Amino acid sequence: MPGAYWIAHVTVTDEEAYGRYAKLAGAPIAAHGGRFLARGGRYVQLEGNDRARNVVAHFPSVEAAVACYRSAEYQEALSHARGASVRDLVVVEAVE
């Protein structure tokens, strides 16, 4: 089964609260086999909505990425991002 990419485009509106999210989110992502490939680095917006923070994580499968998102630990972390950011998040299956 091919891996999957978790792709988030984020505009942070409350740095302090979002910082709490970022600090807590890493552990559940790693626990589900996720590893960061890009995390808030330099980017060039060519089309669509510009979001200053872009994150790409690789997971072993779509199911692992979705299980991570739905986990109690990630939802706890995410509670700090709600109201502190505008986010788009998609999980995309990788090509073999």
PDB file of N, CA and C in Angstrom:
ATOM      1  N   MET A   1       0.856  -1.187   0.000  1.00  0.00           N
ATOM      2  CA  MET A   1       0.000   0.000   0.000  1.00  0.00           C
ATOM      3  C   MET A   1       0.895   1.243   0.000  1.00  0.00           C
ATOM      4  N   PRO A   2       0.654   2.189  -0.885  1.00  0.00           N
ATOM      5  CA  PRO A   2       1.486   3.403  -0.918  1.00  0.00           C
ATOM      6  C   PRO A   2       1.236   4.282   0.302  1.00  0.00           C
ATOM      7  N   GLY A   3       2.162   5.157   0.541  1.00  0.00           N
ATOM      8  CA  GLY A   3       2.021   6.100   1.638  1.00  0.00           C
ATOM      9  C   GLY A   3       1.016   7.181   1.298  1.00  0.00           C
ATOM     10  N   ALA A   4       0.969   8.177   2.147  1.00  0.00           N
ATOM     11  CA  ALA A   4       0.040   9.281   1.953  1.00  0.00           C
ATOM     12  C   ALA A   4       0.681  10.566   2.460  1.00  0.00           C
ATOM     13  N   TYR A   5       0.237  11.675   1.910  1.00  0.00           N
ATOM     14  CA  TYR A   5       0.706  12.996   2.322  1.00  0.00           C
ATOM     15  C   TYR A   5      -0.425  13.751   3.001  1.00  0.00           C
ATOM     16  N   TRP A   6      -0.109  14.340   4.119  1.00  0.00           N
ATOM     17  CA  TRP A   6      -1.006  15.218   4.877  1.00  0.00           C
ATOM     18  C   TRP A   6      -0.524  16.611   4.512  1.00  0.00           C
ATOM     19  N   ILE A   7      -1.358  17.389   3.858  1.00  0.00           N
ATOM     20  CA  ILE A   7      -0.955  18.709   3.371  1.00  0.00           C
ATOM     21  C   ILE A   7      -1.853  19.756   4.026  1.00  0.00           C
ATOM     22  N   ALA A   8      -1.230  20.662   4.754  1.00  0.00           N
ATOM     23  CA  ALA A   8      -1.970  21.719   5.441  1.00  0.00           C
ATOM     24  C   ALA A   8      -1.487  23.079   4.953  1.00  0.00           C
ATOM     25  N   HIS A   9      -2.442  23.955   4.721  1.00  0.00           N
ATOM     26  CA  HIS A   9      -2.168  25.352   4.379  1.00  0.00           C
ATOM     27  C   HIS A   9      -2.825  26.177   5.477  1.00  0.00           C
ATOM     28  N   VAL A  10      -2.044  27.016   6.154  1.00  0.00           N
ATOM     29  CA  VAL A  10      -2.515  27.650   7.380  1.00  0.00           C
ATOM     30  C   VAL A  10      -2.203  29.145   7.392  1.00  0.00           C
ATOM     31  N   THR A  11      -3.168  29.913   7.863  1.00  0.00           N
ATOM     32  CA  THR A  11      -2.941  31.301   8.240  1.00  0.00           C
ATOM     33  C   THR A  11      -3.112  31.361   9.747  1.00  0.00           C
ATOM     34  N   VAL A  12      -2.063  31.715  10.448  1.00  0.00           N
ATOM     35  CA  VAL A  12      -2.098  31.781  11.907  1.00  0.00           C
ATOM     36  C   VAL A  12      -2.622  33.154  12.322  1.00  0.00           C
ATOM     37  N   THR A  13      -3.635  33.156  13.189  1.00  0.00           N
ATOM     38  CA  THR A  13      -4.220  34.417  13.662  1.00  0.00           C
ATOM     39  C   THR A  13      -3.910  34.681  15.135  1.00  0.00           C
ATOM     40  N   ASP A  14      -3.447  33.668  15.856  1.00  0.00           N
ATOM     41  CA  ASP A  14      -3.051  33.802  17.260  1.00  0.00           C
ATOM     42  C   ASP A  14      -1.805  32.955  17.464  1.00  0.00           C
ATOM     43  N   GLU A  15      -0.638  33.602  17.425  1.00  0.00           N
ATOM     44  CA  GLU A  15       0.645  32.903  17.492  1.00  0.00           C
ATOM     45  C   GLU A  15       0.800  32.081  18.773  1.00  0.00           C
ATOM     46  N   GLU A  16       0.384  32.619  19.894  1.00  0.00           N
ATOM     47  CA  GLU A  16       0.558  31.928  21.172  1.00  0.00           C
ATOM     48  C   GLU A  16      -0.252  30.629  21.214  1.00  0.00           C
ATOM     49  N   ALA A  17      -1.520  30.714  20.878  1.00  0.00           N
ATOM     50  CA  ALA A  17      -2.373  29.522  20.887  1.00  0.00           C
ATOM     51  C   ALA A  17      -1.912  28.518  19.838  1.00  0.00           C
ATOM     52  N   TYR A  18      -1.538  29.001  18.667  1.00  0.00           N
ATOM     53  CA  TYR A  18      -1.092  28.085  17.615  1.00  0.00           C
ATOM     54  C   TYR A  18       0.226  27.420  18.004  1.00  0.00           C
ATOM     55  N   GLY A  19       1.038  28.127  18.744  1.00  0.00           N
ATOM     56  CA  GLY A  19       2.276  27.542  19.250  1.00  0.00           C
ATOM     57  C   GLY A  19       2.003  26.352  20.159  1.00  0.00           C
ATOM     58  N   ARG A  20       0.945  26.440  20.972  1.00  0.00           N
ATOM     59  CA  ARG A  20       0.561  25.297  21.814  1.00  0.00           C
ATOM     60  C   ARG A  20       0.147  24.118  20.945  1.00  0.00           C
ATOM     61  N   TYR A  21      -0.619  24.389  19.874  1.00  0.00           N
ATOM     62  CA  TYR A  21      -0.996  23.326  18.940  1.00  0.00           C
ATOM     63  C   TYR A  21       0.258  22.667  18.358  1.00  0.00           C
ATOM     64  N   ALA A  22       1.169  23.474  17.837  1.00  0.00           N
ATOM     65  CA  ALA A  22       2.366  22.944  17.180  1.00  0.00           C
ATOM     66  C   ALA A  22       3.191  22.096  18.139  1.00  0.00           C
ATOM     67  N   LYS A  23       3.277  22.518  19.395  1.00  0.00           N
ATOM     68  CA  LYS A  23       4.046  21.772  20.389  1.00  0.00           C
ATOM     69  C   LYS A  23       3.416  20.412  20.676  1.00  0.00           C
ATOM     70  N   LEU A  24       2.091  20.350  20.710  1.00  0.00           N
ATOM     71  CA  LEU A  24       1.387  19.108  21.048  1.00  0.00           C
ATOM     72  C   LEU A  24       1.150  18.183  19.859  1.00  0.00           C
ATOM     73  N   ALA A  25       1.119  18.713  18.643  1.00  0.00           N
ATOM     74  CA  ALA A  25       0.736  17.917  17.470  1.00  0.00           C
ATOM     75  C   ALA A  25       1.803  16.929  17.034  1.00  0.00           C
ATOM     76  N   GLY A  26       3.056  17.206  17.295  1.00  0.00           N
ATOM     77  CA  GLY A  26       4.139  16.352  16.814  1.00  0.00           C
ATOM     78  C   GLY A  26       4.079  14.928  17.336  1.00  0.00           C
ATOM     79  N   ALA A  27       3.759  14.747  18.608  1.00  0.00           N
ATOM     80  CA  ALA A  27       3.743  13.405  19.205  1.00  0.00           C
ATOM     81  C   ALA A  27       2.696  12.494  18.573  1.00  0.00           C
ATOM     82  N   PRO A  28       1.429  12.919  18.432  1.00  0.00           N
ATOM     83  CA  PRO A  28       0.465  12.015  17.791  1.00  0.00           C
ATOM     84  C   PRO A  28       0.774  11.770  16.312  1.00  0.00           C
ATOM     85  N   ILE A  29       1.335  12.752  15.643  1.00  0.00           N
ATOM     86  CA  ILE A  29       1.717  12.548  14.238  1.00  0.00           C
ATOM     87  C   ILE A  29       2.793  11.466  14.164  1.00  0.00           C
ATOM     88  N   ALA A  30       3.810  11.565  14.988  1.00  0.00           N
ATOM     89  CA  ALA A  30       4.870  10.559  15.001  1.00  0.00           C
ATOM     90  C   ALA A  30       4.336   9.195  15.422  1.00  0.00           C
ATOM     91  N   ALA A  31       3.431   9.168  16.385  1.00  0.00           N
ATOM     92  CA  ALA A  31       2.867   7.907  16.875  1.00  0.00           C
ATOM     93  C   ALA A  31       2.104   7.155  15.788  1.00  0.00           C
ATOM     94  N   HIS A  32       1.603   7.881  14.805  1.00  0.00           N
ATOM     95  CA  HIS A  32       0.879   7.263  13.691  1.00  0.00           C
ATOM     96  C   HIS A  32       1.773   7.059  12.470  1.00  0.00           C
ATOM     97  N   GLY A  33       3.068   7.165  12.671  1.00  0.00           N
ATOM     98  CA  GLY A  33       4.020   6.920  11.583  1.00  0.00           C
ATOM     99  C   GLY A  33       4.278   8.115  10.698  1.00  0.00           C
ATOM    100  N   GLY A  34       3.807   9.293  11.100  1.00  0.00           N
ATOM    101  CA  GLY A  34       4.005  10.499  10.301  1.00  0.00           C
ATOM    102  C   GLY A  34       5.371  11.114  10.523  1.00  0.00           C
ATOM    103  N   ARG A  35       5.897  11.718   9.463  1.00  0.00           N
ATOM    104  CA  ARG A  35       7.146  12.475   9.575  1.00  0.00           C
ATOM    105  C   ARG A  35       7.023  13.699   8.686  1.00  0.00           C
ATOM    106  N   PHE A  36       7.528  14.807   9.187  1.00  0.00           N
ATOM    107  CA  PHE A  36       7.419  16.065   8.456  1.00  0.00           C
ATOM    108  C   PHE A  36       8.410  16.122   7.306  1.00  0.00           C
ATOM    109  N   LEU A  37       7.917  16.553   6.141  1.00  0.00           N
ATOM    110  CA  LEU A  37       8.751  16.783   4.964  1.00  0.00           C
ATOM    111  C   LEU A  37       8.943  18.277   4.738  1.00  0.00           C
ATOM    112  N   ALA A  38       7.947  19.060   5.087  1.00  0.00           N
ATOM    113  CA  ALA A  38       8.009  20.528   4.987  1.00  0.00           C
ATOM    114  C   ALA A  38       7.178  21.074   6.138  1.00  0.00           C
ATOM    115  N   ARG A  39       7.696  22.143   6.731  1.00  0.00           N
ATOM    116  CA  ARG A  39       6.991  22.682   7.898  1.00  0.00           C
ATOM    117  C   ARG A  39       7.269  24.164   8.033  1.00  0.00           C
ATOM    118  N   GLY A  40       6.462  24.964   7.325  1.00  0.00           N
ATOM    119  CA  GLY A  40       6.542  26.406   7.475  1.00  0.00           C
ATOM    120  C   GLY A  40       7.718  27.079   6.801  1.00  0.00           C
ATOM    121  N   GLY A  41       8.388  26.409   5.890  1.00  0.00           N
ATOM    122  CA  GLY A  41       9.554  26.995   5.230  1.00  0.00           C
ATOM    123  C   GLY A  41       9.190  27.923   4.079  1.00  0.00           C
ATOM    124  N   ARG A  42      10.194  28.279   3.338  1.00  0.00           N
ATOM    125  CA  ARG A  42      10.057  29.163   2.177  1.00  0.00           C
ATOM    126  C   ARG A  42       9.120  28.535   1.148  1.00  0.00           C
ATOM    127  N   TYR A  43       8.300  29.359   0.516  1.00  0.00           N
ATOM    128  CA  TYR A  43       7.366  28.866  -0.500  1.00  0.00           C
ATOM    129  C   TYR A  43       7.099  29.954  -1.529  1.00  0.00           C
ATOM    130  N   VAL A  44       6.519  29.561  -2.648  1.00  0.00           N
ATOM    131  CA  VAL A  44       6.081  30.488  -3.693  1.00  0.00           C
ATOM    132  C   VAL A  44       4.642  30.131  -4.015  1.00  0.00           C
ATOM    133  N   GLN A  45       3.720  31.050  -3.811  1.00  0.00           N
ATOM    134  CA  GLN A  45       2.305  30.825  -4.098  1.00  0.00           C
ATOM    135  C   GLN A  45       2.064  31.115  -5.579  1.00  0.00           C
ATOM    136  N   LEU A  46       1.689  30.111  -6.327  1.00  0.00           N
ATOM    137  CA  LEU A  46       1.475  30.291  -7.767  1.00  0.00           C
ATOM    138  C   LEU A  46      -0.004  30.392  -8.141  1.00  0.00           C
ATOM    139  N   GLU A  47      -0.864  29.710  -7.398  1.00  0.00           N
ATOM    140  CA  GLU A  47      -2.306  29.759  -7.660  1.00  0.00           C
ATOM    141  C   GLU A  47      -3.052  29.605  -6.346  1.00  0.00           C
ATOM    142  N   GLY A  48      -4.317  30.008  -6.345  1.00  0.00           N
ATOM    143  CA  GLY A  48      -5.182  29.762  -5.194  1.00  0.00           C
ATOM    144  C   GLY A  48      -4.941  30.706  -4.036  1.00  0.00           C
ATOM    145  N   ASN A  49      -5.475  30.298  -2.883  1.00  0.00           N
ATOM    146  CA  ASN A  49      -5.404  31.110  -1.670  1.00  0.00           C
ATOM    147  C   ASN A  49      -4.031  31.023  -1.029  1.00  0.00           C
ATOM    148  N   ASP A  50      -3.467  32.169  -0.718  1.00  0.00           N
ATOM    149  CA  ASP A  50      -2.159  32.223  -0.072  1.00  0.00           C
ATOM    150  C   ASP A  50      -2.322  32.003   1.424  1.00  0.00           C
ATOM    151  N   ARG A  51      -1.578  31.064   1.956  1.00  0.00           N
ATOM    152  CA  ARG A  51      -1.515  30.823   3.393  1.00  0.00           C
ATOM    153  C   ARG A  51      -0.031  30.807   3.748  1.00  0.00           C
ATOM    154  N   ALA A  52       0.339  31.561   4.737  1.00  0.00           N
ATOM    155  CA  ALA A  52       1.766  31.764   5.039  1.00  0.00           C
ATOM    156  C   ALA A  52       2.457  30.536   5.612  1.00  0.00           C
ATOM    157  N   ARG A  53       1.707  29.584   6.131  1.00  0.00           N
ATOM    158  CA  ARG A  53       2.321  28.377   6.712  1.00  0.00           C
ATOM    159  C   ARG A  53       1.840  27.165   5.930  1.00  0.00           C
ATOM    160  N   ASN A  54       2.774  26.392   5.420  1.00  0.00           N
ATOM    161  CA  ASN A  54       2.470  25.196   4.636  1.00  0.00           C
ATOM    162  C   ASN A  54       3.209  24.022   5.241  1.00  0.00           C
ATOM    163  N   VAL A  55       2.492  22.929   5.457  1.00  0.00           N
ATOM    164  CA  VAL A  55       3.061  21.758   6.122  1.00  0.00           C
ATOM    165  C   VAL A  55       2.755  20.523   5.289  1.00  0.00           C
ATOM    166  N   VAL A  56       3.770  19.683   5.084  1.00  0.00           N
ATOM    167  CA  VAL A  56       3.598  18.398   4.414  1.00  0.00           C
ATOM    168  C   VAL A  56       4.184  17.336   5.323  1.00  0.00           C
ATOM    169  N   ALA A  57       3.378  16.319   5.643  1.00  0.00           N
ATOM    170  CA  ALA A  57       3.857  15.184   6.432  1.00  0.00           C
ATOM    171  C   ALA A  57       3.576  13.913   5.646  1.00  0.00           C
ATOM    172  N   HIS A  58       4.468  12.960   5.733  1.00  0.00           N
ATOM    173  CA  HIS A  58       4.284  11.663   5.076  1.00  0.00           C
ATOM    174  C   HIS A  58       3.836  10.649   6.119  1.00  0.00           C
ATOM    175  N   PHE A  59       2.822   9.866   5.776  1.00  0.00           N
ATOM    176  CA  PHE A  59       2.310   8.788   6.622  1.00  0.00           C
ATOM    177  C   PHE A  59       2.395   7.483   5.855  1.00  0.00           C
ATOM    178  N   PRO A  60       2.373   6.354   6.549  1.00  0.00           N
ATOM    179  CA  PRO A  60       2.451   5.065   5.866  1.00  0.00           C
ATOM    180  C   PRO A  60       1.242   4.773   4.967  1.00  0.00           C
ATOM    181  N   SER A  61       0.098   5.393   5.263  1.00  0.00           N
ATOM    182  CA  SER A  61      -1.119   5.140   4.484  1.00  0.00           C
ATOM    183  C   SER A  61      -2.118   6.262   4.722  1.00  0.00           C
ATOM    184  N   VAL A  62      -3.123   6.327   3.857  1.00  0.00           N
ATOM    185  CA  VAL A  62      -4.235   7.269   4.059  1.00  0.00           C
ATOM    186  C   VAL A  62      -4.897   6.975   5.398  1.00  0.00           C
ATOM    187  N   GLU A  63      -5.082   5.689   5.684  1.00  0.00           N
ATOM    188  CA  GLU A  63      -5.750   5.294   6.920  1.00  0.00           C
ATOM    189  C   GLU A  63      -4.982   5.752   8.159  1.00  0.00           C
ATOM    190  N   ALA A  64      -3.658   5.658   8.120  1.00  0.00           N
ATOM    191  CA  ALA A  64      -2.846   6.110   9.252  1.00  0.00           C
ATOM    192  C   ALA A  64      -2.972   7.620   9.445  1.00  0.00           C
ATOM    193  N   ALA A  65      -2.985   8.370   8.353  1.00  0.00           N
ATOM    194  CA  ALA A  65      -3.118   9.831   8.447  1.00  0.00           C
ATOM    195  C   ALA A  65      -4.473  10.223   9.011  1.00  0.00           C
ATOM    196  N   VAL A  66      -5.521   9.559   8.554  1.00  0.00           N
ATOM    197  CA  VAL A  66      -6.876   9.861   9.043  1.00  0.00           C
ATOM    198  C   VAL A  66      -7.006   9.428  10.503  1.00  0.00           C
ATOM    199  N   ALA A  67      -6.447   8.272  10.859  1.00  0.00           N
ATOM    200  CA  ALA A  67      -6.484   7.813  12.256  1.00  0.00           C
ATOM    201  C   ALA A  67      -5.771   8.812  13.161  1.00  0.00           C
ATOM    202  N   CYS A  68      -4.672   9.364  12.693  1.00  0.00           N
ATOM    203  CA  CYS A  68      -3.965  10.385  13.461  1.00  0.00           C
ATOM    204  C   CYS A  68      -4.875  11.578  13.702  1.00  0.00           C
ATOM    205  N   TYR A  69      -5.482  12.074  12.640  1.00  0.00           N
ATOM    206  CA  TYR A  69      -6.358  13.243  12.757  1.00  0.00           C
ATOM    207  C   TYR A  69      -7.493  12.992  13.751  1.00  0.00           C
ATOM    208  N   ARG A  70      -8.042  11.799  13.719  1.00  0.00           N
ATOM    209  CA  ARG A  70      -9.195  11.469  14.564  1.00  0.00           C
ATOM    210  C   ARG A  70      -8.806  11.065  15.983  1.00  0.00           C
ATOM    211  N   SER A  71      -7.529  10.875  16.245  1.00  0.00           N
ATOM    212  CA  SER A  71      -7.092  10.424  17.571  1.00  0.00           C
ATOM    213  C   SER A  71      -7.371  11.490  18.635  1.00  0.00           C
ATOM    214  N   ALA A  72      -7.596  11.022  19.850  1.00  0.00           N
ATOM    215  CA  ALA A  72      -7.855  11.936  20.967  1.00  0.00           C
ATOM    216  C   ALA A  72      -6.678  12.878  21.190  1.00  0.00           C
ATOM    217  N   GLU A  73      -5.459  12.361  21.029  1.00  0.00           N
ATOM    218  CA  GLU A  73      -4.262  13.183  21.254  1.00  0.00           C
ATOM    219  C   GLU A  73      -4.155  14.307  20.234  1.00  0.00           C
ATOM    220  N   TYR A  74      -4.415  13.994  18.965  1.00  0.00           N
ATOM    221  CA  TYR A  74      -4.342  15.051  17.949  1.00  0.00           C
ATOM    222  C   TYR A  74      -5.493  16.036  18.125  1.00  0.00           C
ATOM    223  N   GLN A  75      -6.669  15.552  18.452  1.00  0.00           N
ATOM    224  CA  GLN A  75      -7.810  16.449  18.654  1.00  0.00           C
ATOM    225  C   GLN A  75      -7.550  17.408  19.817  1.00  0.00           C
ATOM    226  N   GLU A  76      -6.857  16.928  20.854  1.00  0.00           N
ATOM    227  CA  GLU A  76      -6.466  17.818  21.955  1.00  0.00           C
ATOM    228  C   GLU A  76      -5.549  18.917  21.438  1.00  0.00           C
ATOM    229  N   ALA A  77      -4.550  18.542  20.645  1.00  0.00           N
ATOM    230  CA  ALA A  77      -3.656  19.546  20.061  1.00  0.00           C
ATOM    231  C   ALA A  77      -4.448  20.508  19.178  1.00  0.00           C
ATOM    232  N   LEU A  78      -5.316  19.955  18.356  1.00  0.00           N
ATOM    233  CA  LEU A  78      -6.089  20.762  17.412  1.00  0.00           C
ATOM    234  C   LEU A  78      -6.999  21.762  18.113  1.00  0.00           C
ATOM    235  N   SER A  79      -7.416  21.462  19.328  1.00  0.00           N
ATOM    236  CA  SER A  79      -8.280  22.396  20.060  1.00  0.00           C
ATOM    237  C   SER A  79      -7.597  23.752  20.248  1.00  0.00           C
ATOM    238  N   HIS A  80      -6.259  23.773  20.246  1.00  0.00           N
ATOM    239  CA  HIS A  80      -5.530  25.035  20.375  1.00  0.00           C
ATOM    240  C   HIS A  80      -5.442  25.788  19.043  1.00  0.00           C
ATOM    241  N   ALA A  81      -5.552  25.078  17.937  1.00  0.00           N
ATOM    242  CA  ALA A  81      -5.484  25.719  16.622  1.00  0.00           C
ATOM    243  C   ALA A  81      -6.830  26.320  16.217  1.00  0.00           C
ATOM    244  N   ARG A  82      -7.899  25.729  16.708  1.00  0.00           N
ATOM    245  CA  ARG A  82      -9.240  26.257  16.382  1.00  0.00           C
ATOM    246  C   ARG A  82      -9.381  27.646  16.993  1.00  0.00           C
ATOM    247  N   GLY A  83      -9.774  28.592  16.187  1.00  0.00           N
ATOM    248  CA  GLY A  83      -9.875  29.970  16.646  1.00  0.00           C
ATOM    249  C   GLY A  83      -8.547  30.712  16.613  1.00  0.00           C
ATOM    250  N   ALA A  84      -7.453  29.982  16.370  1.00  0.00           N
ATOM    251  CA  ALA A  84      -6.132  30.595  16.312  1.00  0.00           C
ATOM    252  C   ALA A  84      -5.549  30.520  14.912  1.00  0.00           C
ATOM    253  N   SER A  85      -6.340  29.974  13.973  1.00  0.00           N
ATOM    254  CA  SER A  85      -5.849  29.812  12.608  1.00  0.00           C
ATOM    255  C   SER A  85      -7.001  29.564  11.657  1.00  0.00           C
ATOM    256  N   VAL A  86      -6.712  29.784  10.379  1.00  0.00           N
ATOM    257  CA  VAL A  86      -7.599  29.391   9.286  1.00  0.00           C
ATOM    258  C   VAL A  86      -6.813  28.332   8.537  1.00  0.00           C
ATOM    259  N   ARG A  87      -7.379  27.125   8.418  1.00  0.00           N
ATOM    260  CA  ARG A  87      -6.623  25.986   7.893  1.00  0.00           C
ATOM    261  C   ARG A  87      -7.387  25.264   6.795  1.00  0.00           C
ATOM    262  N   ASP A  88      -6.639  24.747   5.857  1.00  0.00           N
ATOM    263  CA  ASP A  88      -7.123  23.764   4.894  1.00  0.00           C
ATOM    264  C   ASP A  88      -6.228  22.552   5.095  1.00  0.00           C
ATOM    265  N   LEU A  89      -6.827  21.369   5.193  1.00  0.00           N
ATOM    266  CA  LEU A  89      -6.055  20.145   5.395  1.00  0.00           C
ATOM    267  C   LEU A  89      -6.607  19.053   4.493  1.00  0.00           C
ATOM    268  N   VAL A  90      -5.731  18.386   3.790  1.00  0.00           N
ATOM    269  CA  VAL A  90      -6.130  17.294   2.909  1.00  0.00           C
ATOM    270  C   VAL A  90      -5.125  16.164   3.079  1.00  0.00           C
ATOM    271  N   VAL A  91      -5.615  14.927   2.946  1.00  0.00           N
ATOM    272  CA  VAL A  91      -4.748  13.753   2.904  1.00  0.00           C
ATOM    273  C   VAL A  91      -4.827  13.193   1.497  1.00  0.00           C
ATOM    274  N   VAL A  92      -3.660  12.988   0.877  1.00  0.00           N
ATOM    275  CA  VAL A  92      -3.592  12.535  -0.505  1.00  0.00           C
ATOM    276  C   VAL A  92      -2.743  11.273  -0.580  1.00  0.00           C
ATOM    277  N   GLU A  93      -3.267  10.238  -1.214  1.00  0.00           N
ATOM    278  CA  GLU A  93      -2.504   9.016  -1.379  1.00  0.00           C
ATOM    279  C   GLU A  93      -1.317   9.252  -2.308  1.00  0.00           C
ATOM    280  N   ALA A  94      -0.167   8.705  -1.925  1.00  0.00           N
ATOM    281  CA  ALA A  94       1.055   8.862  -2.717  1.00  0.00           C
ATOM    282  C   ALA A  94       1.031   7.939  -3.936  1.00  0.00           C
ATOM    283  N   VAL A  95       1.791   8.299  -4.929  1.00  0.00           N
ATOM    284  CA  VAL A  95       1.968   7.475  -6.112  1.00  0.00           C
ATOM    285  C   VAL A  95       3.142   6.536  -5.842  1.00  0.00           C
ATOM    286  N   GLU A  96       2.993   5.290  -6.224  1.00  0.00           N
ATOM    287  CA  GLU A  96       4.101   4.341  -6.010  1.00  0.00           C
ATOM    288  C   GLU A  96       5.234   4.612  -6.959  1.00  0.00           C
TER     289      GLU A  96
END
